[in-house]
Amino acid sequence: MAGVLAGAAGAVLLAPDSGENTRARIKRGVADMKDRARGKIEEGLEIIENALEEK
């Protein structure tokens, strides 16, 4: 995940674009990562809940 963040940050910072567009791309990227992280957390919680129910 850290590698993805570093690569995305480098690409955004080095790509020629207006400040407004760059900020919008960063905002979308952060929102996407937040959604993916939330999904992974929910999956993990579900696995834990299922494991606890089986005991």
PDB file of N, CA and C in Angstrom:
ATOM      1  N   MET A   1       0.830  -1.184   0.000  1.00  0.00           N
ATOM      2  CA  MET A   1       0.000   0.000   0.000  1.00  0.00           C
ATOM      3  C   MET A   1       0.878   1.253   0.000  1.00  0.00           C
ATOM      4  N   ALA A   2       1.948   1.228   0.778  1.00  0.00           N
ATOM      5  CA  ALA A   2       2.821   2.396   0.842  1.00  0.00           C
ATOM      6  C   ALA A   2       3.455   2.670  -0.516  1.00  0.00           C
ATOM      7  N   GLY A   3       3.810   1.597  -1.239  1.00  0.00           N
ATOM      8  CA  GLY A   3       4.387   1.769  -2.565  1.00  0.00           C
ATOM      9  C   GLY A   3       3.423   2.407  -3.537  1.00  0.00           C
ATOM     10  N   VAL A   4       2.162   2.017  -3.427  1.00  0.00           N
ATOM     11  CA  VAL A   4       1.126   2.597  -4.285  1.00  0.00           C
ATOM     12  C   VAL A   4       0.990   4.081  -3.987  1.00  0.00           C
ATOM     13  N   LEU A   5       0.968   4.427  -2.707  1.00  0.00           N
ATOM     14  CA  LEU A   5       0.856   5.834  -2.317  1.00  0.00           C
ATOM     15  C   LEU A   5       2.038   6.644  -2.834  1.00  0.00           C
ATOM     16  N   ALA A   6       3.236   6.094  -2.669  1.00  0.00           N
ATOM     17  CA  ALA A   6       4.432   6.809  -3.110  1.00  0.00           C
ATOM     18  C   ALA A   6       4.421   6.994  -4.626  1.00  0.00           C
ATOM     19  N   GLY A   7       4.048   5.951  -5.346  1.00  0.00           N
ATOM     20  CA  GLY A   7       3.989   6.050  -6.799  1.00  0.00           C
ATOM     21  C   GLY A   7       2.955   7.053  -7.269  1.00  0.00           C
ATOM     22  N   ALA A   8       1.796   7.010  -6.643  1.00  0.00           N
ATOM     23  CA  ALA A   8       0.730   7.947  -7.010  1.00  0.00           C
ATOM     24  C   ALA A   8       1.138   9.374  -6.696  1.00  0.00           C
ATOM     25  N   ALA A   9       1.743   9.584  -5.532  1.00  0.00           N
ATOM     26  CA  ALA A   9       2.171  10.932  -5.154  1.00  0.00           C
ATOM     27  C   ALA A   9       3.223  11.447  -6.126  1.00  0.00           C
ATOM     28  N   GLY A  10       4.174  10.592  -6.493  1.00  0.00           N
ATOM     29  CA  GLY A  10       5.208  11.006  -7.436  1.00  0.00           C
ATOM     30  C   GLY A  10       4.631  11.351  -8.792  1.00  0.00           C
ATOM     31  N   ALA A  11       3.708  10.528  -9.260  1.00  0.00           N
ATOM     32  CA  ALA A  11       3.095  10.785 -10.563  1.00  0.00           C
ATOM     33  C   ALA A  11       2.310  12.090 -10.559  1.00  0.00           C
ATOM     34  N   VAL A  12       1.581  12.323  -9.487  1.00  0.00           N
ATOM     35  CA  VAL A  12       0.775  13.540  -9.387  1.00  0.00           C
ATOM     36  C   VAL A  12       1.673  14.767  -9.313  1.00  0.00           C
ATOM     37  N   LEU A  13       2.730  14.667  -8.532  1.00  0.00           N
ATOM     38  CA  LEU A  13       3.597  15.832  -8.358  1.00  0.00           C
ATOM     39  C   LEU A  13       4.428  16.137  -9.595  1.00  0.00           C
ATOM     40  N   LEU A  14       4.772  15.125 -10.371  1.00  0.00           N
ATOM     41  CA  LEU A  14       5.620  15.344 -11.540  1.00  0.00           C
ATOM     42  C   LEU A  14       4.835  15.602 -12.815  1.00  0.00           C
ATOM     43  N   ALA A  15       3.574  15.279 -12.835  1.00  0.00           N
ATOM     44  CA  ALA A  15       2.758  15.468 -14.034  1.00  0.00           C
ATOM     45  C   ALA A  15       2.391  16.937 -14.191  1.00  0.00           C
ATOM     46  N   PRO A  16       2.562  17.480 -15.388  1.00  0.00           N
ATOM     47  CA  PRO A  16       2.185  18.873 -15.588  1.00  0.00           C
ATOM     48  C   PRO A  16       0.661  19.022 -15.638  1.00  0.00           C
ATOM     49  N   ASP A  17       0.129  19.741 -14.702  1.00  0.00           N
ATOM     50  CA  ASP A  17      -1.319  19.960 -14.638  1.00  0.00           C
ATOM     51  C   ASP A  17      -1.570  21.176 -13.756  1.00  0.00           C
ATOM     52  N   SER A  18      -2.751  21.716 -13.836  1.00  0.00           N
ATOM     53  CA  SER A  18      -3.064  22.875 -13.008  1.00  0.00           C
ATOM     54  C   SER A  18      -3.207  22.443 -11.551  1.00  0.00           C
ATOM     55  N   GLY A  19      -3.029  23.376 -10.650  1.00  0.00           N
ATOM     56  CA  GLY A  19      -3.170  23.091  -9.224  1.00  0.00           C
ATOM     57  C   GLY A  19      -4.546  22.566  -8.884  1.00  0.00           C
ATOM     58  N   GLU A  20      -5.567  23.127  -9.502  1.00  0.00           N
ATOM     59  CA  GLU A  20      -6.944  22.703  -9.240  1.00  0.00           C
ATOM     60  C   GLU A  20      -7.151  21.245  -9.652  1.00  0.00           C
ATOM     61  N   ASN A  21      -6.669  20.887 -10.837  1.00  0.00           N
ATOM     62  CA  ASN A  21      -6.805  19.502 -11.310  1.00  0.00           C
ATOM     63  C   ASN A  21      -6.007  18.536 -10.447  1.00  0.00           C
ATOM     64  N   THR A  22      -4.808  18.965 -10.055  1.00  0.00           N
ATOM     65  CA  THR A  22      -3.976  18.120  -9.209  1.00  0.00           C
ATOM     66  C   THR A  22      -4.652  17.859  -7.873  1.00  0.00           C
ATOM     67  N   ARG A  23      -5.189  18.891  -7.263  1.00  0.00           N
ATOM     68  CA  ARG A  23      -5.890  18.724  -5.980  1.00  0.00           C
ATOM     69  C   ARG A  23      -7.102  17.824  -6.128  1.00  0.00           C
ATOM     70  N   ALA A  24      -7.819  17.948  -7.236  1.00  0.00           N
ATOM     71  CA  ALA A  24      -8.994  17.097  -7.470  1.00  0.00           C
ATOM     72  C   ALA A  24      -8.574  15.643  -7.624  1.00  0.00           C
ATOM     73  N   ARG A  25      -7.465  15.395  -8.333  1.00  0.00           N
ATOM     74  CA  ARG A  25      -6.985  14.018  -8.494  1.00  0.00           C
ATOM     75  C   ARG A  25      -6.533  13.438  -7.165  1.00  0.00           C
ATOM     76  N   ILE A  26      -5.858  14.239  -6.365  1.00  0.00           N
ATOM     77  CA  ILE A  26      -5.428  13.772  -5.042  1.00  0.00           C
ATOM     78  C   ILE A  26      -6.647  13.439  -4.188  1.00  0.00           C
ATOM     79  N   LYS A  27      -7.638  14.317  -4.224  1.00  0.00           N
ATOM     80  CA  LYS A  27      -8.851  14.099  -3.426  1.00  0.00           C
ATOM     81  C   LYS A  27      -9.554  12.803  -3.845  1.00  0.00           C
ATOM     82  N   ARG A  28      -9.664  12.560  -5.143  1.00  0.00           N
ATOM     83  CA  ARG A  28     -10.295  11.321  -5.626  1.00  0.00           C
ATOM     84  C   ARG A  28      -9.486  10.104  -5.209  1.00  0.00           C
ATOM     85  N   GLY A  29      -8.171  10.206  -5.319  1.00  0.00           N
ATOM     86  CA  GLY A  29      -7.303   9.093  -4.946  1.00  0.00           C
ATOM     87  C   GLY A  29      -7.415   8.756  -3.472  1.00  0.00           C
ATOM     88  N   VAL A  30      -7.452   9.772  -2.642  1.00  0.00           N
ATOM     89  CA  VAL A  30      -7.585   9.553  -1.201  1.00  0.00           C
ATOM     90  C   VAL A  30      -8.952   8.942  -0.889  1.00  0.00           C
ATOM     91  N   ALA A  31      -9.984   9.419  -1.530  1.00  0.00           N
ATOM     92  CA  ALA A  31     -11.326   8.868  -1.308  1.00  0.00           C
ATOM     93  C   ALA A  31     -11.384   7.400  -1.726  1.00  0.00           C
ATOM     94  N   ASP A  32     -10.746   7.068  -2.851  1.00  0.00           N
ATOM     95  CA  ASP A  32     -10.713   5.670  -3.304  1.00  0.00           C
ATOM     96  C   ASP A  32      -9.966   4.791  -2.303  1.00  0.00           C
ATOM     97  N   MET A  33      -8.819   5.254  -1.827  1.00  0.00           N
ATOM     98  CA  MET A  33      -8.055   4.483  -0.853  1.00  0.00           C
ATOM     99  C   MET A  33      -8.833   4.308   0.445  1.00  0.00           C
ATOM    100  N   LYS A  34      -9.532   5.356   0.844  1.00  0.00           N
ATOM    101  CA  LYS A  34     -10.354   5.293   2.058  1.00  0.00           C
ATOM    102  C   LYS A  34     -11.445   4.236   1.897  1.00  0.00           C
ATOM    103  N   ASP A  35     -12.090   4.206   0.747  1.00  0.00           N
ATOM    104  CA  ASP A  35     -13.136   3.218   0.490  1.00  0.00           C
ATOM    105  C   ASP A  35     -12.576   1.796   0.500  1.00  0.00           C
ATOM    106  N   ARG A  36     -11.410   1.616  -0.131  1.00  0.00           N
ATOM    107  CA  ARG A  36     -10.798   0.279  -0.151  1.00  0.00           C
ATOM    108  C   ARG A  36     -10.399  -0.153   1.256  1.00  0.00           C
ATOM    109  N   ALA A  37      -9.835   0.764   2.023  1.00  0.00           N
ATOM    110  CA  ALA A  37      -9.435   0.441   3.397  1.00  0.00           C
ATOM    111  C   ALA A  37     -10.652   0.075   4.231  1.00  0.00           C
ATOM    112  N   ARG A  38     -11.724   0.837   4.085  1.00  0.00           N
ATOM    113  CA  ARG A  38     -12.956   0.553   4.827  1.00  0.00           C
ATOM    114  C   ARG A  38     -13.475  -0.847   4.468  1.00  0.00           C
ATOM    115  N   GLY A  39     -13.435  -1.196   3.190  1.00  0.00           N
ATOM    116  CA  GLY A  39     -13.879  -2.515   2.756  1.00  0.00           C
ATOM    117  C   GLY A  39     -13.036  -3.624   3.360  1.00  0.00           C
ATOM    118  N   LYS A  40     -11.717  -3.432   3.383  1.00  0.00           N
ATOM    119  CA  LYS A  40     -10.829  -4.437   3.970  1.00  0.00           C
ATOM    120  C   LYS A  40     -11.077  -4.586   5.470  1.00  0.00           C
ATOM    121  N   ILE A  41     -11.314  -3.488   6.147  1.00  0.00           N
ATOM    122  CA  ILE A  41     -11.606  -3.548   7.580  1.00  0.00           C
ATOM    123  C   ILE A  41     -12.907  -4.299   7.818  1.00  0.00           C
ATOM    124  N   GLU A  42     -13.915  -4.008   7.018  1.00  0.00           N
ATOM    125  CA  GLU A  42     -15.193  -4.701   7.162  1.00  0.00           C
ATOM    126  C   GLU A  42     -15.037  -6.195   6.894  1.00  0.00           C
ATOM    127  N   GLU A  43     -14.239  -6.563   5.888  1.00  0.00           N
ATOM    128  CA  GLU A  43     -13.978  -7.978   5.612  1.00  0.00           C
ATOM    129  C   GLU A  43     -13.296  -8.636   6.803  1.00  0.00           C
ATOM    130  N   GLY A  44     -12.313  -7.964   7.370  1.00  0.00           N
ATOM    131  CA  GLY A  44     -11.601  -8.500   8.526  1.00  0.00           C
ATOM    132  C   GLY A  44     -12.510  -8.686   9.721  1.00  0.00           C
ATOM    133  N   LEU A  45     -13.373  -7.711   9.963  1.00  0.00           N
ATOM    134  CA  LEU A  45     -14.309  -7.827  11.078  1.00  0.00           C
ATOM    135  C   LEU A  45     -15.274  -8.986  10.877  1.00  0.00           C
ATOM    136  N   GLU A  46     -15.698  -9.178   9.648  1.00  0.00           N
ATOM    137  CA  GLU A  46     -16.600 -10.289   9.350  1.00  0.00           C
ATOM    138  C   GLU A  46     -15.911 -11.635   9.604  1.00  0.00           C
ATOM    139  N   ILE A  47     -14.657 -11.731   9.218  1.00  0.00           N
ATOM    140  CA  ILE A  47     -13.900 -12.964   9.458  1.00  0.00           C
ATOM    141  C   ILE A  47     -13.776 -13.223  10.956  1.00  0.00           C
ATOM    142  N   ILE A  48     -13.479 -12.189  11.708  1.00  0.00           N
ATOM    143  CA  ILE A  48     -13.352 -12.327  13.158  1.00  0.00           C
ATOM    144  C   ILE A  48     -14.686 -12.724  13.782  1.00  0.00           C
ATOM    145  N   GLU A  49     -15.762 -12.065  13.374  1.00  0.00           N
ATOM    146  CA  GLU A  49     -17.089 -12.391  13.906  1.00  0.00           C
ATOM    147  C   GLU A  49     -17.454 -13.846  13.616  1.00  0.00           C
ATOM    148  N   ASN A  50     -17.179 -14.298  12.394  1.00  0.00           N
ATOM    149  CA  ASN A  50     -17.484 -15.688  12.027  1.00  0.00           C
ATOM    150  C   ASN A  50     -16.658 -16.657  12.857  1.00  0.00           C
ATOM    151  N   ALA A  51     -15.404 -16.331  13.076  1.00  0.00           N
ATOM    152  CA  ALA A  51     -14.529 -17.204  13.874  1.00  0.00           C
ATOM    153  C   ALA A  51     -15.033 -17.276  15.312  1.00  0.00           C
ATOM    154  N   LEU A  52     -15.490 -16.168  15.854  1.00  0.00           N
ATOM    155  CA  LEU A  52     -15.978 -16.154  17.234  1.00  0.00           C
ATOM    156  C   LEU A  52     -17.292 -16.913  17.369  1.00  0.00           C
ATOM    157  N   GLU A  53     -18.123 -16.851  16.330  1.00  0.00           N
ATOM    158  CA  GLU A  53     -19.407 -17.566  16.361  1.00  0.00           C
ATOM    159  C   GLU A  53     -19.201 -19.079  16.300  1.00  0.00           C
ATOM    160  N   GLU A  54     -18.131 -19.513  15.659  1.00  0.00           N
ATOM    161  CA  GLU A  54     -17.867 -20.942  15.514  1.00  0.00           C
ATOM    162  C   GLU A  54     -17.373 -21.576  16.806  1.00  0.00           C
ATOM    163  N   LYS A  55     -16.888 -20.791  17.721  1.00  0.00           N
ATOM    164  CA  LYS A  55     -16.351 -21.335  18.981  1.00  0.00           C
ATOM    165  C   LYS A  55     -17.436 -21.699  19.938  1.00  0.00           C
TER     166      LYS A  55
END
